[in-house]
N, C-alpha and C. Protein backbone atom coordinates (compact mmCIF):
# COMPACT_ATOMS: atom_id res chain seq x y z
N MET A 1 51.96 -75.91 88.23
CA MET A 1 51.88 -74.79 87.55
C MET A 1 52.08 -75.19 85.99
N ILE A 2 51.16 -74.69 85.15
CA ILE A 2 51.14 -75.03 83.68
C ILE A 2 51.94 -73.93 82.95
N ASN A 3 53.01 -74.26 82.08
CA ASN A 3 53.68 -73.22 81.37
C ASN A 3 53.09 -73.06 79.97
N ASP A 4 52.65 -74.20 79.42
CA ASP A 4 52.04 -74.14 78.10
C ASP A 4 50.65 -74.64 78.12
N HIS A 5 49.65 -73.66 78.21
CA HIS A 5 48.25 -74.04 78.37
C HIS A 5 47.74 -74.69 77.11
N ILE A 6 48.25 -74.32 75.93
CA ILE A 6 47.74 -74.99 74.65
C ILE A 6 48.12 -76.47 74.64
N SER A 7 49.31 -76.75 74.98
CA SER A 7 49.73 -78.14 75.07
C SER A 7 48.95 -78.95 75.97
N ASP A 8 48.68 -78.34 77.11
CA ASP A 8 47.90 -78.98 78.23
C ASP A 8 46.43 -79.26 77.63
N MET A 9 45.95 -78.29 76.91
CA MET A 9 44.55 -78.47 76.34
C MET A 9 44.47 -79.68 75.41
N VAL A 10 45.54 -79.62 74.55
CA VAL A 10 45.59 -80.79 73.56
C VAL A 10 45.63 -82.13 74.22
N THR A 11 46.56 -82.21 75.22
CA THR A 11 46.71 -83.50 75.93
C THR A 11 45.41 -83.95 76.63
N ARG A 12 44.73 -82.98 77.26
CA ARG A 12 43.46 -83.28 77.99
C ARG A 12 42.46 -83.73 76.97
N ILE A 13 42.31 -83.04 75.83
CA ILE A 13 41.31 -83.39 74.86
C ILE A 13 41.66 -84.91 74.29
N LYS A 14 42.91 -85.01 73.98
CA LYS A 14 43.30 -86.35 73.51
C LYS A 14 43.14 -87.50 74.42
N ASN A 15 43.34 -87.20 75.70
CA ASN A 15 43.21 -88.35 76.77
C ASN A 15 41.71 -88.60 76.98
N ALA A 16 40.87 -87.48 77.04
CA ALA A 16 39.42 -87.64 77.28
C ALA A 16 38.80 -88.40 76.06
N ALA A 17 39.22 -88.07 74.88
CA ALA A 17 38.66 -88.73 73.70
C ALA A 17 39.02 -90.24 73.70
N GLY A 18 40.29 -90.50 74.13
CA GLY A 18 40.68 -91.92 74.14
C GLY A 18 39.94 -92.71 75.17
N MET A 19 39.45 -92.04 76.21
CA MET A 19 38.71 -92.78 77.29
C MET A 19 37.22 -92.64 77.13
N HIS A 20 36.81 -92.04 76.02
CA HIS A 20 35.37 -91.88 75.69
C HIS A 20 34.68 -91.06 76.78
N LYS A 21 35.33 -90.07 77.32
CA LYS A 21 34.70 -89.22 78.29
C LYS A 21 33.73 -88.19 77.57
N LYS A 22 32.61 -87.79 78.33
CA LYS A 22 31.73 -86.94 77.69
C LYS A 22 32.20 -85.50 77.72
N THR A 23 32.86 -85.12 78.85
CA THR A 23 33.34 -83.68 78.97
C THR A 23 34.85 -83.78 79.46
N VAL A 24 35.49 -82.58 79.28
CA VAL A 24 36.81 -82.49 79.79
C VAL A 24 36.87 -81.07 80.33
N SER A 25 37.58 -80.86 81.43
CA SER A 25 37.70 -79.57 82.03
C SER A 25 39.14 -79.18 82.19
N MET A 26 39.40 -77.88 82.17
CA MET A 26 40.82 -77.32 82.27
C MET A 26 40.72 -75.88 82.79
N PRO A 27 41.84 -75.40 83.31
CA PRO A 27 41.79 -73.97 83.81
C PRO A 27 41.50 -73.09 82.52
N TYR A 28 40.87 -71.95 82.83
CA TYR A 28 40.35 -71.12 81.86
C TYR A 28 41.33 -70.09 81.46
N THR A 29 41.62 -69.86 80.21
CA THR A 29 42.35 -68.69 79.66
C THR A 29 41.59 -68.18 78.40
N LYS A 30 41.74 -66.97 78.02
CA LYS A 30 41.03 -66.38 76.91
C LYS A 30 41.58 -67.10 75.59
N VAL A 31 42.78 -67.45 75.56
CA VAL A 31 43.23 -68.21 74.39
C VAL A 31 42.62 -69.48 74.18
N LEU A 32 42.46 -70.27 75.28
CA LEU A 32 41.88 -71.58 75.21
C LEU A 32 40.44 -71.51 74.95
N HIS A 33 39.73 -70.45 75.45
CA HIS A 33 38.35 -70.26 75.13
C HIS A 33 38.17 -69.92 73.60
N ALA A 34 39.06 -69.14 73.10
CA ALA A 34 38.97 -68.84 71.64
C ALA A 34 39.32 -70.07 70.72
N ILE A 35 40.20 -70.92 71.19
CA ILE A 35 40.39 -72.19 70.50
C ILE A 35 39.25 -73.09 70.54
N ALA A 36 38.69 -73.24 71.71
CA ALA A 36 37.49 -74.00 71.88
C ALA A 36 36.27 -73.53 71.02
N LYS A 37 36.19 -72.18 70.86
CA LYS A 37 35.08 -71.64 70.03
C LYS A 37 35.30 -72.06 68.57
N VAL A 38 36.56 -72.00 68.12
CA VAL A 38 36.87 -72.51 66.72
C VAL A 38 36.53 -73.98 66.49
N LEU A 39 36.91 -74.74 67.53
CA LEU A 39 36.58 -76.20 67.54
C LEU A 39 35.09 -76.46 67.49
N GLN A 40 34.40 -75.63 68.22
CA GLN A 40 32.90 -75.76 68.26
C GLN A 40 32.29 -75.32 66.90
N ASP A 41 32.79 -74.21 66.30
CA ASP A 41 32.35 -73.77 65.04
C ASP A 41 32.55 -74.82 63.92
N GLU A 42 33.59 -75.63 64.02
CA GLU A 42 34.06 -76.57 63.06
C GLU A 42 33.44 -77.99 63.43
N LYS A 43 32.60 -78.07 64.41
CA LYS A 43 31.87 -79.22 64.87
C LYS A 43 32.65 -80.35 65.48
N TYR A 44 33.78 -79.98 66.07
CA TYR A 44 34.60 -80.96 66.79
C TYR A 44 34.28 -81.00 68.21
N LEU A 45 33.58 -79.96 68.76
CA LEU A 45 33.12 -79.89 70.13
C LEU A 45 31.71 -79.54 70.22
N GLY A 46 31.07 -79.90 71.32
CA GLY A 46 29.71 -79.61 71.53
C GLY A 46 29.66 -78.31 72.38
N ASN A 47 29.09 -78.38 73.60
CA ASN A 47 28.90 -77.20 74.46
C ASN A 47 30.27 -76.77 75.01
N ILE A 48 30.37 -75.45 75.34
CA ILE A 48 31.47 -74.81 76.01
C ILE A 48 30.91 -74.07 77.12
N GLU A 49 31.39 -74.46 78.40
CA GLU A 49 30.89 -73.69 79.56
C GLU A 49 32.10 -73.18 80.32
N VAL A 50 31.81 -72.00 80.92
CA VAL A 50 32.83 -71.40 81.86
C VAL A 50 32.30 -71.32 83.20
N GLU A 51 32.86 -71.96 84.14
CA GLU A 51 32.41 -72.01 85.52
C GLU A 51 33.36 -71.17 86.42
N GLY A 52 32.84 -70.60 87.41
CA GLY A 52 33.62 -69.81 88.43
C GLY A 52 33.48 -68.36 88.15
N GLU A 53 33.63 -67.54 89.22
CA GLU A 53 33.51 -66.12 89.14
C GLU A 53 34.86 -65.33 89.10
N LEU A 54 35.85 -65.66 89.92
CA LEU A 54 37.09 -64.99 89.97
C LEU A 54 37.83 -65.54 88.74
N GLU A 55 38.63 -64.61 88.16
CA GLU A 55 39.46 -64.87 87.07
C GLU A 55 40.45 -66.11 87.28
N SER A 56 41.01 -66.14 88.49
CA SER A 56 41.97 -67.20 88.80
C SER A 56 41.30 -68.58 89.10
N GLN A 57 39.92 -68.54 89.30
CA GLN A 57 39.29 -69.81 89.59
C GLN A 57 38.36 -70.30 88.57
N LYS A 58 38.37 -69.66 87.34
CA LYS A 58 37.53 -70.05 86.27
C LYS A 58 37.93 -71.39 85.78
N THR A 59 36.94 -72.25 85.32
CA THR A 59 37.21 -73.58 84.70
C THR A 59 36.60 -73.54 83.38
N LEU A 60 37.24 -74.11 82.31
CA LEU A 60 36.57 -74.26 80.96
C LEU A 60 36.21 -75.71 80.84
N ILE A 61 34.93 -75.92 80.57
CA ILE A 61 34.39 -77.35 80.45
C ILE A 61 34.00 -77.53 79.00
N LEU A 62 34.53 -78.50 78.37
CA LEU A 62 34.25 -78.77 76.94
C LEU A 62 33.53 -80.13 76.77
N THR A 63 32.54 -80.10 75.98
CA THR A 63 31.64 -81.37 75.71
C THR A 63 32.26 -81.92 74.38
N LEU A 64 32.71 -83.15 74.48
CA LEU A 64 33.15 -83.83 73.26
C LEU A 64 32.12 -84.45 72.35
N VAL A 65 32.40 -84.40 71.13
CA VAL A 65 31.33 -84.98 70.20
C VAL A 65 31.78 -86.28 69.70
N TYR A 66 30.83 -87.23 69.70
CA TYR A 66 31.13 -88.61 69.20
C TYR A 66 30.14 -88.94 68.07
N GLN A 67 30.67 -89.70 67.09
CA GLN A 67 29.77 -90.11 65.94
C GLN A 67 30.07 -91.57 65.83
N ASP A 68 29.04 -92.39 65.96
CA ASP A 68 29.11 -93.85 65.85
C ASP A 68 30.10 -94.39 66.78
N ASP A 69 30.09 -93.95 68.06
CA ASP A 69 30.91 -94.42 69.18
C ASP A 69 32.51 -94.12 68.95
N SER A 70 32.76 -93.16 67.99
CA SER A 70 34.13 -92.82 67.83
C SER A 70 34.15 -91.26 67.93
N SER A 71 35.21 -90.73 68.42
CA SER A 71 35.38 -89.33 68.74
C SER A 71 35.42 -88.54 67.37
N ALA A 72 34.84 -87.39 67.30
CA ALA A 72 35.00 -86.48 66.09
C ALA A 72 36.50 -86.07 65.89
N ILE A 73 37.17 -86.02 66.96
CA ILE A 73 38.72 -85.72 66.96
C ILE A 73 39.35 -86.96 66.99
N SER A 74 39.89 -87.42 65.85
CA SER A 74 40.66 -88.66 65.82
C SER A 74 42.20 -88.51 66.14
N ALA A 75 42.67 -87.23 65.89
CA ALA A 75 44.09 -86.95 66.13
C ALA A 75 44.19 -85.48 66.33
N ILE A 76 44.99 -84.97 67.22
CA ILE A 76 45.18 -83.57 67.57
C ILE A 76 46.64 -83.40 67.98
N LYS A 77 47.31 -82.45 67.39
CA LYS A 77 48.65 -82.17 67.80
C LYS A 77 49.00 -80.75 67.84
N ARG A 78 49.91 -80.45 68.68
CA ARG A 78 50.39 -79.01 68.80
C ARG A 78 51.54 -78.76 67.82
N ILE A 79 51.52 -77.75 67.06
CA ILE A 79 52.51 -77.52 66.03
C ILE A 79 53.49 -76.52 66.55
N SER A 80 53.05 -75.25 66.88
CA SER A 80 53.92 -74.25 67.28
C SER A 80 54.07 -74.42 68.78
N LYS A 81 55.32 -74.44 69.30
CA LYS A 81 55.59 -74.67 70.73
C LYS A 81 56.31 -73.38 71.23
N PRO A 82 56.45 -73.24 72.57
CA PRO A 82 57.06 -72.14 73.05
C PRO A 82 58.49 -71.91 72.65
N GLY A 83 59.18 -73.09 72.39
CA GLY A 83 60.58 -73.09 72.05
C GLY A 83 60.84 -72.79 70.57
N VAL A 84 59.84 -73.21 69.70
CA VAL A 84 59.93 -73.17 68.19
C VAL A 84 58.54 -72.85 67.68
N ARG A 85 58.44 -71.51 67.41
CA ARG A 85 57.26 -70.90 66.85
C ARG A 85 57.15 -71.15 65.35
N ILE A 86 55.99 -71.62 64.80
CA ILE A 86 55.88 -71.90 63.38
C ILE A 86 54.87 -70.90 62.84
N HIS A 87 55.28 -70.04 61.96
CA HIS A 87 54.51 -69.06 61.28
C HIS A 87 54.27 -69.34 59.80
N ARG A 88 53.15 -69.17 59.29
CA ARG A 88 52.89 -69.33 57.85
C ARG A 88 52.20 -68.23 57.29
N ALA A 89 52.72 -67.85 56.04
CA ALA A 89 52.03 -66.76 55.33
C ALA A 89 50.73 -67.29 54.64
N LEU A 90 49.97 -66.47 54.08
CA LEU A 90 48.72 -66.86 53.48
C LEU A 90 48.86 -67.89 52.43
N GLY A 91 49.86 -67.88 51.52
CA GLY A 91 50.08 -68.70 50.46
C GLY A 91 50.72 -70.07 50.91
N ASP A 92 51.15 -70.12 52.15
CA ASP A 92 51.91 -71.31 52.58
C ASP A 92 50.99 -72.36 53.29
N PHE A 93 49.81 -72.07 53.42
CA PHE A 93 48.92 -73.05 54.16
C PHE A 93 48.68 -74.33 53.26
N LYS A 94 48.95 -75.43 53.92
CA LYS A 94 48.72 -76.78 53.21
C LYS A 94 47.48 -77.40 53.83
N PRO A 95 46.72 -78.13 53.08
CA PRO A 95 45.61 -78.77 53.59
C PRO A 95 45.96 -79.81 54.64
N VAL A 96 45.24 -79.85 55.69
CA VAL A 96 45.54 -80.92 56.77
C VAL A 96 44.77 -82.21 56.33
N LEU A 97 45.53 -83.27 56.19
CA LEU A 97 44.93 -84.53 55.89
C LEU A 97 44.11 -84.45 54.65
N SER A 98 44.63 -83.89 53.65
CA SER A 98 43.92 -83.71 52.31
C SER A 98 42.62 -82.93 52.46
N GLY A 99 42.59 -82.00 53.28
CA GLY A 99 41.37 -81.20 53.46
C GLY A 99 40.38 -81.73 54.47
N MET A 100 40.66 -82.95 55.07
CA MET A 100 39.81 -83.58 56.04
C MET A 100 39.87 -83.03 57.34
N GLY A 101 41.00 -82.34 57.67
CA GLY A 101 41.27 -81.73 58.96
C GLY A 101 41.43 -80.30 58.94
N ILE A 102 41.63 -79.64 60.09
CA ILE A 102 41.83 -78.23 60.13
C ILE A 102 43.10 -77.84 60.89
N ALA A 103 43.62 -76.69 60.70
CA ALA A 103 44.56 -76.14 61.50
C ALA A 103 44.01 -74.84 62.17
N ILE A 104 44.47 -74.65 63.47
CA ILE A 104 44.00 -73.43 64.16
C ILE A 104 45.10 -72.54 64.16
N ILE A 105 44.95 -71.28 63.59
CA ILE A 105 45.92 -70.27 63.39
C ILE A 105 45.63 -69.06 64.32
N SER A 106 46.65 -68.52 64.90
CA SER A 106 46.57 -67.26 65.67
C SER A 106 46.98 -66.10 64.69
N THR A 107 46.07 -65.28 64.36
CA THR A 107 46.37 -64.26 63.35
C THR A 107 46.28 -62.81 64.05
N SER A 108 46.55 -61.85 63.30
CA SER A 108 46.31 -60.50 63.85
C SER A 108 44.81 -60.11 63.96
N LYS A 109 43.94 -60.92 63.35
CA LYS A 109 42.48 -60.80 63.54
C LYS A 109 41.93 -61.67 64.48
N GLY A 110 42.71 -62.47 65.27
CA GLY A 110 42.19 -63.38 66.25
C GLY A 110 42.49 -64.76 65.91
N ILE A 111 42.10 -65.69 66.74
CA ILE A 111 42.32 -67.14 66.55
C ILE A 111 41.23 -67.61 65.66
N MET A 112 41.59 -68.40 64.63
CA MET A 112 40.60 -68.93 63.61
C MET A 112 41.12 -70.10 62.92
N SER A 113 40.30 -70.84 62.25
CA SER A 113 40.70 -72.02 61.51
C SER A 113 41.51 -71.60 60.17
N ASP A 114 42.19 -72.48 59.61
CA ASP A 114 42.92 -72.19 58.37
C ASP A 114 41.93 -71.79 57.28
N ARG A 115 40.82 -72.31 57.19
CA ARG A 115 39.76 -72.03 56.19
C ARG A 115 39.35 -70.54 56.38
N GLN A 116 39.12 -70.12 57.57
CA GLN A 116 38.71 -68.80 57.89
C GLN A 116 39.82 -67.81 57.50
N ALA A 117 41.11 -68.27 57.81
CA ALA A 117 42.32 -67.35 57.54
C ALA A 117 42.45 -67.09 56.14
N LYS A 118 42.16 -68.12 55.20
CA LYS A 118 42.26 -67.92 53.84
C LYS A 118 41.16 -66.99 53.37
N ILE A 119 39.97 -67.05 53.97
CA ILE A 119 38.86 -66.13 53.60
C ILE A 119 39.19 -64.74 53.99
N ASN A 120 39.80 -64.56 55.16
CA ASN A 120 40.14 -63.13 55.60
C ASN A 120 41.42 -62.79 55.12
N LYS A 121 42.15 -63.59 54.28
CA LYS A 121 43.50 -63.30 53.69
C LYS A 121 44.57 -62.89 54.71
N VAL A 122 44.71 -63.66 55.76
CA VAL A 122 45.70 -63.38 56.73
C VAL A 122 46.54 -64.72 57.01
N GLY A 123 47.70 -64.54 57.43
CA GLY A 123 48.61 -65.72 57.82
C GLY A 123 48.83 -65.57 59.32
N GLY A 124 49.67 -66.40 59.90
CA GLY A 124 49.91 -66.32 61.36
C GLY A 124 50.52 -67.56 61.95
N GLU A 125 50.41 -67.73 63.23
CA GLU A 125 51.16 -68.82 63.88
C GLU A 125 50.29 -69.99 63.90
N VAL A 126 50.73 -71.23 63.46
CA VAL A 126 49.99 -72.33 63.44
C VAL A 126 50.05 -72.99 64.84
N LEU A 127 48.91 -72.95 65.63
CA LEU A 127 48.87 -73.56 66.93
C LEU A 127 48.63 -74.96 67.03
N ILE A 128 47.53 -75.50 66.34
CA ILE A 128 47.17 -76.91 66.51
C ILE A 128 46.81 -77.39 65.04
N GLU A 129 47.01 -78.62 64.77
CA GLU A 129 46.34 -79.38 63.68
C GLU A 129 45.59 -80.52 64.20
N LEU A 130 44.36 -80.72 63.69
CA LEU A 130 43.51 -81.84 64.05
C LEU A 130 42.75 -82.43 62.91
N TRP A 131 42.32 -83.62 63.03
CA TRP A 131 41.44 -84.28 62.14
C TRP A 131 40.68 -85.35 62.77
């Protein structure tokens, strides 16, 4: 049983990218699907597929993007954890890797990148940072 689905997603992506896998699969949740859509919008992921009909049997399949035989995701880490939540106000966002990376934020308007959060003028819980 998985207690922290986001940490599981981060680990699976990191391991698959390290092994140069084309796809990575994981149990489906709405939060993971929203995070995957943000990664796809920011060009870190290719296709996103959901397989299965029953809610408990759905699988999320992500296609990793590679550029010149190296993964588009060179590093990914979980920031806010179940035991220690990290929230940031709109003015407290710092650029990830001098603007070369992104942070994925859970806001009152949904899950979005830090760039989108600045445009929408909202703060929230910092879930993941990657570059």
